[in-house]
Structures are given as structure tokens and as C-alpha cells.
Amino acid sequence: LMKTAELDPRQNYLVGFHPHGVLAAGAFLNFCTEASGFSTLFPGITPHLMMLSLWFRIPFFRDYVMSGGLIASDKESASYVLQKPEGGNLLAIIVGGAQEALDAHPGSFTLLLKNRKGFVRLAIQHG
């Protein structure tokens, strides 16, 4: 994770992550753990990573992943994080989603964007 700009902790942010890779390990390590020193790089910002909604149907597992900052990858959950008036939230979305994970091959970086632009609309709606 590399710091590219100062983030105002009074605002909410939406960031895209690529590539998905196997189990989205890179996104998980950067946004759900302190492996990359996120809180030092972006003080006052709480990261949330979107995860396939079906995982939130499993009792107890749902609570476990939510305790790590994961949220369901649906419009309502994303809006909930992005509209918090106090700010200080960063929502990370793996742009290519599960479909991109199936197309992960060594040395290949395929970004799937066709029919996957709802995150842009969310960013515009929530400023």
C-alpha cells in the first residue's frame, strides 16, 4: 500500500482495488489488517472492504468477517458506509469481482469493467 495523497478524515472515500487474485488476499491484507500500516499512512480513516454478499448468509461467519471490516458487496451496504455524516470511512471495492478472480493467471492482469460501473455511480452520488 502506497500513500498517494492526504485524506481528510471528515470525508468518506471509495477506492478501487485490482487485481482480485486468489481469495483477494492483497486487498484483505491491505485493508483488513495492519500488514501495510494503513492506520499510520491514513490516520483517522477506517477501511472497509466489500465481500461477496453470499458469505454474509452463514451464521457466525458473518459476524467474524464483519469484525474485520468486511461488508457485503451490495449497493445498500456501500451507501451505508459512504453516507456516514461524520466521515472517516474508506470503502474498497475489488472492481472485477468474483468473475475477475476466475480469470486470474500468473503473469496476467485482466481488468473486467464491462457492466461493472456501478461503483462510479455510487462515488458520484456520495460525493
N, C-alpha and C. Protein backbone atom coordinates (compact mmCIF):
# COMPACT_ATOMS: atom_id res chain seq x y z
N LEU A 1 0.86 -1.17 0.00
CA LEU A 1 0.00 0.00 0.00
C LEU A 1 0.90 1.23 0.00
N MET A 2 0.62 2.16 -0.92
CA MET A 2 1.44 3.36 -1.03
C MET A 2 0.56 4.60 -0.85
N LYS A 3 1.01 5.51 -0.05
CA LYS A 3 0.28 6.75 0.17
C LYS A 3 0.47 7.67 -1.02
N THR A 4 -0.63 8.11 -1.61
CA THR A 4 -0.55 8.99 -2.77
C THR A 4 -1.08 10.39 -2.47
N ALA A 5 -1.85 10.52 -1.38
CA ALA A 5 -2.41 11.83 -1.04
C ALA A 5 -2.86 11.83 0.42
N GLU A 6 -2.94 13.02 0.99
CA GLU A 6 -3.50 13.16 2.33
C GLU A 6 -5.02 13.01 2.21
N LEU A 7 -5.61 12.22 3.08
CA LEU A 7 -7.06 12.04 3.07
C LEU A 7 -7.66 12.77 4.27
N ASP A 8 -8.62 13.63 4.01
CA ASP A 8 -9.31 14.38 5.05
C ASP A 8 -10.22 13.42 5.82
N PRO A 9 -9.99 13.21 7.12
CA PRO A 9 -10.80 12.27 7.89
C PRO A 9 -12.25 12.71 8.09
N ARG A 10 -12.61 13.89 7.60
CA ARG A 10 -14.01 14.33 7.68
C ARG A 10 -14.81 13.88 6.46
N GLN A 11 -14.13 13.27 5.49
CA GLN A 11 -14.76 12.79 4.26
C GLN A 11 -14.81 11.27 4.24
N ASN A 12 -15.65 10.72 3.37
CA ASN A 12 -15.69 9.29 3.10
C ASN A 12 -15.12 9.06 1.71
N TYR A 13 -14.52 7.90 1.49
CA TYR A 13 -13.82 7.62 0.24
C TYR A 13 -14.21 6.26 -0.33
N LEU A 14 -14.19 6.17 -1.65
CA LEU A 14 -14.40 4.92 -2.37
C LEU A 14 -13.17 4.68 -3.22
N VAL A 15 -12.51 3.53 -3.04
CA VAL A 15 -11.33 3.21 -3.83
C VAL A 15 -11.53 1.87 -4.53
N GLY A 16 -10.93 1.75 -5.70
CA GLY A 16 -10.96 0.50 -6.44
C GLY A 16 -9.67 -0.26 -6.23
N PHE A 17 -9.76 -1.57 -6.17
CA PHE A 17 -8.60 -2.43 -5.98
C PHE A 17 -8.52 -3.41 -7.15
N HIS A 18 -7.31 -3.63 -7.66
CA HIS A 18 -7.10 -4.57 -8.75
C HIS A 18 -5.68 -5.11 -8.64
N PRO A 19 -5.40 -6.33 -8.93
CA PRO A 19 -6.29 -7.40 -9.38
C PRO A 19 -6.93 -8.15 -8.21
N HIS A 20 -7.99 -8.87 -8.49
CA HIS A 20 -8.68 -9.66 -7.47
C HIS A 20 -7.75 -10.73 -6.93
N GLY A 21 -7.22 -11.56 -7.81
CA GLY A 21 -6.31 -12.63 -7.40
C GLY A 21 -7.03 -13.72 -6.62
N VAL A 22 -6.26 -14.61 -6.05
CA VAL A 22 -6.81 -15.73 -5.29
C VAL A 22 -7.25 -15.25 -3.91
N LEU A 23 -8.52 -15.44 -3.61
CA LEU A 23 -9.11 -15.07 -2.32
C LEU A 23 -8.96 -13.59 -1.96
N ALA A 24 -8.59 -12.76 -2.91
CA ALA A 24 -8.41 -11.32 -2.68
C ALA A 24 -7.47 -11.06 -1.50
N ALA A 25 -6.43 -11.87 -1.41
CA ALA A 25 -5.50 -11.78 -0.28
C ALA A 25 -4.84 -10.41 -0.19
N GLY A 26 -4.48 -9.81 -1.32
CA GLY A 26 -3.84 -8.49 -1.29
C GLY A 26 -4.74 -7.42 -0.71
N ALA A 27 -5.99 -7.43 -1.13
CA ALA A 27 -6.95 -6.46 -0.60
C ALA A 27 -7.20 -6.69 0.88
N PHE A 28 -7.35 -7.95 1.26
CA PHE A 28 -7.60 -8.27 2.66
C PHE A 28 -6.44 -7.81 3.54
N LEU A 29 -5.21 -8.13 3.13
CA LEU A 29 -4.05 -7.75 3.93
C LEU A 29 -3.90 -6.23 4.05
N ASN A 30 -4.17 -5.51 2.98
CA ASN A 30 -4.00 -4.06 3.00
C ASN A 30 -5.11 -3.31 3.73
N PHE A 31 -6.35 -3.80 3.63
CA PHE A 31 -7.46 -3.05 4.20
C PHE A 31 -8.05 -3.64 5.47
N CYS A 32 -7.81 -4.90 5.76
CA CYS A 32 -8.41 -5.53 6.94
C CYS A 32 -7.40 -5.92 8.01
N THR A 33 -6.13 -5.66 7.76
CA THR A 33 -5.10 -5.91 8.76
C THR A 33 -4.17 -4.69 8.77
N GLU A 34 -3.24 -4.71 9.66
CA GLU A 34 -2.24 -3.63 9.73
C GLU A 34 -0.94 -4.03 9.05
N ALA A 35 -0.99 -5.02 8.16
CA ALA A 35 0.21 -5.52 7.48
C ALA A 35 0.94 -4.43 6.70
N SER A 36 0.19 -3.49 6.15
CA SER A 36 0.81 -2.42 5.36
C SER A 36 0.86 -1.09 6.12
N GLY A 37 0.46 -1.10 7.39
CA GLY A 37 0.48 0.12 8.18
C GLY A 37 -0.57 1.14 7.77
N PHE A 38 -1.77 0.66 7.41
CA PHE A 38 -2.83 1.54 6.92
C PHE A 38 -3.11 2.70 7.87
N SER A 39 -3.26 2.41 9.16
CA SER A 39 -3.62 3.47 10.11
C SER A 39 -2.54 4.53 10.26
N THR A 40 -1.29 4.17 10.00
CA THR A 40 -0.19 5.14 10.03
C THR A 40 -0.19 5.99 8.77
N LEU A 41 -0.45 5.33 7.63
CA LEU A 41 -0.47 6.05 6.35
C LEU A 41 -1.68 6.99 6.25
N PHE A 42 -2.83 6.53 6.76
CA PHE A 42 -4.07 7.30 6.64
C PHE A 42 -4.74 7.44 8.01
N PRO A 43 -4.18 8.27 8.88
CA PRO A 43 -4.76 8.42 10.23
C PRO A 43 -6.18 8.98 10.18
N GLY A 44 -7.01 8.42 11.03
CA GLY A 44 -8.40 8.87 11.11
C GLY A 44 -9.32 8.24 10.08
N ILE A 45 -8.81 7.34 9.25
CA ILE A 45 -9.61 6.70 8.21
C ILE A 45 -9.81 5.22 8.58
N THR A 46 -11.04 4.77 8.58
CA THR A 46 -11.36 3.37 8.86
C THR A 46 -11.66 2.66 7.54
N PRO A 47 -10.87 1.65 7.18
CA PRO A 47 -11.10 0.95 5.91
C PRO A 47 -12.19 -0.13 6.03
N HIS A 48 -12.94 -0.29 4.97
CA HIS A 48 -13.95 -1.34 4.84
C HIS A 48 -13.74 -1.97 3.47
N LEU A 49 -13.76 -3.28 3.41
CA LEU A 49 -13.58 -4.00 2.15
C LEU A 49 -14.87 -4.73 1.82
N MET A 50 -15.29 -4.61 0.57
CA MET A 50 -16.51 -5.29 0.14
C MET A 50 -16.21 -6.75 -0.17
N MET A 51 -17.15 -7.62 0.20
CA MET A 51 -17.00 -9.06 0.01
C MET A 51 -18.31 -9.61 -0.55
N LEU A 52 -18.22 -10.65 -1.34
CA LEU A 52 -19.38 -11.28 -1.96
C LEU A 52 -20.49 -11.49 -0.93
N SER A 53 -21.68 -11.00 -1.23
CA SER A 53 -22.80 -10.99 -0.28
C SER A 53 -23.19 -12.37 0.25
N LEU A 54 -23.00 -13.41 -0.54
CA LEU A 54 -23.44 -14.73 -0.11
C LEU A 54 -22.72 -15.21 1.15
N TRP A 55 -21.50 -14.71 1.41
CA TRP A 55 -20.78 -15.11 2.62
C TRP A 55 -21.43 -14.58 3.89
N PHE A 56 -22.27 -13.57 3.76
CA PHE A 56 -22.92 -12.97 4.93
C PHE A 56 -24.18 -13.73 5.34
N ARG A 57 -24.49 -14.81 4.65
CA ARG A 57 -25.65 -15.65 4.98
C ARG A 57 -25.29 -16.77 5.95
N ILE A 58 -24.00 -16.95 6.21
CA ILE A 58 -23.54 -18.04 7.07
C ILE A 58 -23.46 -17.53 8.51
N PRO A 59 -24.27 -18.11 9.40
CA PRO A 59 -24.26 -17.66 10.81
C PRO A 59 -22.86 -17.74 11.41
N PHE A 60 -22.54 -16.81 12.25
CA PHE A 60 -21.27 -16.65 12.96
C PHE A 60 -20.13 -16.23 12.03
N PHE A 61 -20.04 -16.81 10.83
CA PHE A 61 -19.01 -16.39 9.89
C PHE A 61 -19.25 -14.94 9.50
N ARG A 62 -20.53 -14.58 9.33
CA ARG A 62 -20.90 -13.20 9.02
C ARG A 62 -20.35 -12.24 10.07
N ASP A 63 -20.53 -12.57 11.33
CA ASP A 63 -20.05 -11.71 12.42
C ASP A 63 -18.53 -11.64 12.44
N TYR A 64 -17.90 -12.75 12.13
CA TYR A 64 -16.45 -12.82 12.10
C TYR A 64 -15.88 -11.90 11.02
N VAL A 65 -16.40 -11.98 9.80
CA VAL A 65 -15.86 -11.15 8.72
C VAL A 65 -16.21 -9.68 8.92
N MET A 66 -17.36 -9.40 9.50
CA MET A 66 -17.72 -8.01 9.77
C MET A 66 -16.80 -7.40 10.82
N SER A 67 -16.33 -8.20 11.76
CA SER A 67 -15.42 -7.68 12.79
C SER A 67 -14.08 -7.28 12.18
N GLY A 68 -13.76 -7.82 11.00
CA GLY A 68 -12.53 -7.46 10.31
C GLY A 68 -12.68 -6.31 9.34
N GLY A 69 -13.87 -5.70 9.28
CA GLY A 69 -14.08 -4.56 8.41
C GLY A 69 -14.67 -4.90 7.05
N LEU A 70 -15.07 -6.14 6.85
CA LEU A 70 -15.68 -6.54 5.57
C LEU A 70 -17.16 -6.21 5.58
N ILE A 71 -17.68 -5.79 4.43
CA ILE A 71 -19.11 -5.54 4.29
C ILE A 71 -19.60 -6.22 3.02
N ALA A 72 -20.90 -6.47 2.96
CA ALA A 72 -21.50 -7.13 1.80
C ALA A 72 -21.36 -6.25 0.56
N SER A 73 -21.14 -6.90 -0.57
CA SER A 73 -20.95 -6.14 -1.81
C SER A 73 -22.28 -5.88 -2.50
N ASP A 74 -23.10 -5.09 -1.85
CA ASP A 74 -24.35 -4.64 -2.48
C ASP A 74 -24.46 -3.13 -2.32
N LYS A 75 -25.33 -2.54 -3.12
CA LYS A 75 -25.45 -1.08 -3.17
C LYS A 75 -25.84 -0.50 -1.81
N GLU A 76 -26.73 -1.17 -1.10
CA GLU A 76 -27.21 -0.66 0.18
C GLU A 76 -26.08 -0.60 1.21
N SER A 77 -25.27 -1.65 1.28
CA SER A 77 -24.16 -1.66 2.24
C SER A 77 -23.13 -0.60 1.89
N ALA A 78 -22.82 -0.47 0.62
CA ALA A 78 -21.86 0.55 0.18
C ALA A 78 -22.37 1.95 0.52
N SER A 79 -23.64 2.20 0.24
CA SER A 79 -24.22 3.52 0.53
C SER A 79 -24.20 3.81 2.02
N TYR A 80 -24.45 2.80 2.83
CA TYR A 80 -24.45 2.98 4.28
C TYR A 80 -23.10 3.52 4.75
N VAL A 81 -22.01 2.94 4.25
CA VAL A 81 -20.66 3.39 4.65
C VAL A 81 -20.37 4.78 4.09
N LEU A 82 -20.71 4.99 2.83
CA LEU A 82 -20.35 6.25 2.16
C LEU A 82 -21.18 7.45 2.61
N GLN A 83 -22.33 7.23 3.21
CA GLN A 83 -23.17 8.37 3.61
C GLN A 83 -23.05 8.72 5.09
N LYS A 84 -22.15 8.07 5.82
CA LYS A 84 -21.97 8.40 7.23
C LYS A 84 -21.52 9.86 7.35
N PRO A 85 -22.28 10.69 8.03
CA PRO A 85 -22.01 12.13 8.06
C PRO A 85 -20.71 12.51 8.77
N GLU A 86 -20.26 11.69 9.70
CA GLU A 86 -19.03 12.03 10.42
C GLU A 86 -17.77 11.80 9.60
N GLY A 87 -17.90 11.05 8.48
CA GLY A 87 -16.75 10.80 7.60
C GLY A 87 -15.78 9.81 8.20
N GLY A 88 -14.58 9.79 7.63
CA GLY A 88 -13.54 8.92 8.15
C GLY A 88 -13.61 7.48 7.70
N ASN A 89 -14.37 7.21 6.62
CA ASN A 89 -14.51 5.84 6.14
C ASN A 89 -13.96 5.71 4.73
N LEU A 90 -13.30 4.59 4.47
CA LEU A 90 -12.80 4.27 3.15
C LEU A 90 -13.40 2.93 2.75
N LEU A 91 -14.10 2.91 1.63
CA LEU A 91 -14.72 1.69 1.12
C LEU A 91 -13.91 1.21 -0.06
N ALA A 92 -13.34 0.01 0.05
CA ALA A 92 -12.54 -0.57 -1.02
C ALA A 92 -13.38 -1.61 -1.75
N ILE A 93 -13.44 -1.48 -3.07
CA ILE A 93 -14.15 -2.44 -3.90
C ILE A 93 -13.16 -3.07 -4.87
N ILE A 94 -13.22 -4.38 -4.98
CA ILE A 94 -12.39 -5.08 -5.94
C ILE A 94 -13.17 -5.04 -7.25
N VAL A 95 -12.74 -4.18 -8.13
CA VAL A 95 -13.51 -3.79 -9.31
C VAL A 95 -14.00 -4.97 -10.15
N GLY A 96 -13.16 -5.93 -10.42
CA GLY A 96 -13.53 -7.06 -11.28
C GLY A 96 -14.37 -8.11 -10.60
N GLY A 97 -14.44 -8.07 -9.28
CA GLY A 97 -15.25 -9.00 -8.52
C GLY A 97 -14.87 -10.46 -8.68
N ALA A 98 -15.80 -11.32 -8.30
CA ALA A 98 -15.56 -12.76 -8.33
C ALA A 98 -15.26 -13.25 -9.75
N GLN A 99 -15.86 -12.64 -10.73
CA GLN A 99 -15.62 -13.03 -12.12
C GLN A 99 -14.15 -12.84 -12.49
N GLU A 100 -13.56 -11.75 -12.02
CA GLU A 100 -12.15 -11.49 -12.29
C GLU A 100 -11.26 -12.53 -11.60
N ALA A 101 -11.68 -12.99 -10.42
CA ALA A 101 -10.90 -14.00 -9.69
C ALA A 101 -10.79 -15.28 -10.50
N LEU A 102 -11.82 -15.62 -11.23
CA LEU A 102 -11.81 -16.84 -12.05
C LEU A 102 -10.89 -16.71 -13.24
N ASP A 103 -10.53 -15.49 -13.60
CA ASP A 103 -9.67 -15.24 -14.75
C ASP A 103 -8.24 -14.90 -14.32
N ALA A 104 -7.89 -15.24 -13.07
CA ALA A 104 -6.56 -14.94 -12.54
C ALA A 104 -5.56 -16.01 -12.98
N HIS A 105 -4.53 -15.59 -13.69
CA HIS A 105 -3.48 -16.49 -14.16
C HIS A 105 -2.13 -15.81 -13.93
N PRO A 106 -1.09 -16.59 -13.61
CA PRO A 106 0.24 -15.98 -13.40
C PRO A 106 0.68 -15.14 -14.60
N GLY A 107 1.14 -13.93 -14.32
CA GLY A 107 1.63 -13.03 -15.36
C GLY A 107 0.54 -12.32 -16.13
N SER A 108 -0.71 -12.52 -15.77
CA SER A 108 -1.84 -11.90 -16.47
C SER A 108 -2.55 -10.93 -15.54
N PHE A 109 -2.87 -9.74 -16.04
CA PHE A 109 -3.59 -8.74 -15.26
C PHE A 109 -4.79 -8.27 -16.05
N THR A 110 -5.85 -9.05 -16.04
CA THR A 110 -7.06 -8.74 -16.78
C THR A 110 -8.02 -7.97 -15.88
N LEU A 111 -8.39 -6.77 -16.30
CA LEU A 111 -9.34 -5.96 -15.55
C LEU A 111 -10.70 -6.03 -16.22
N LEU A 112 -11.70 -6.49 -15.48
CA LEU A 112 -13.05 -6.59 -16.02
C LEU A 112 -13.86 -5.37 -15.59
N LEU A 113 -14.22 -4.54 -16.54
CA LEU A 113 -15.00 -3.34 -16.25
C LEU A 113 -16.35 -3.32 -16.95
N LYS A 114 -16.50 -4.07 -18.03
CA LYS A 114 -17.75 -4.05 -18.77
C LYS A 114 -18.89 -4.47 -17.85
N ASN A 115 -19.93 -3.69 -17.81
CA ASN A 115 -21.10 -3.92 -16.94
C ASN A 115 -20.74 -3.88 -15.46
N ARG A 116 -19.66 -3.19 -15.09
CA ARG A 116 -19.23 -3.10 -13.69
C ARG A 116 -18.88 -1.64 -13.36
N LYS A 117 -19.81 -0.75 -13.62
CA LYS A 117 -19.52 0.66 -13.39
C LYS A 117 -20.40 1.28 -12.31
N GLY A 118 -21.12 0.45 -11.57
CA GLY A 118 -21.99 0.95 -10.52
C GLY A 118 -21.22 1.66 -9.42
N PHE A 119 -19.98 1.28 -9.20
CA PHE A 119 -19.18 1.92 -8.17
C PHE A 119 -18.89 3.39 -8.52
N VAL A 120 -18.82 3.70 -9.81
CA VAL A 120 -18.61 5.08 -10.25
C VAL A 120 -19.85 5.91 -9.91
N ARG A 121 -21.02 5.33 -10.16
CA ARG A 121 -22.28 6.00 -9.84
C ARG A 121 -22.38 6.25 -8.33
N LEU A 122 -22.00 5.26 -7.52
CA LEU A 122 -22.00 5.42 -6.06
C LEU A 122 -21.08 6.55 -5.63
N ALA A 123 -19.90 6.61 -6.22
CA ALA A 123 -18.94 7.66 -5.87
C ALA A 123 -19.52 9.04 -6.18
N ILE A 124 -20.16 9.17 -7.32
CA ILE A 124 -20.75 10.45 -7.71
C ILE A 124 -21.90 10.81 -6.76
N GLN A 125 -22.76 9.84 -6.47
CA GLN A 125 -23.92 10.08 -5.60
C GLN A 125 -23.51 10.53 -4.20
N HIS A 126 -22.40 10.00 -3.71
CA HIS A 126 -21.99 10.27 -2.34
C HIS A 126 -20.83 11.26 -2.24
N GLY A 127 -20.52 11.89 -3.35
CA GLY A 127 -19.50 12.95 -3.36
C GLY A 127 -18.10 12.45 -3.19
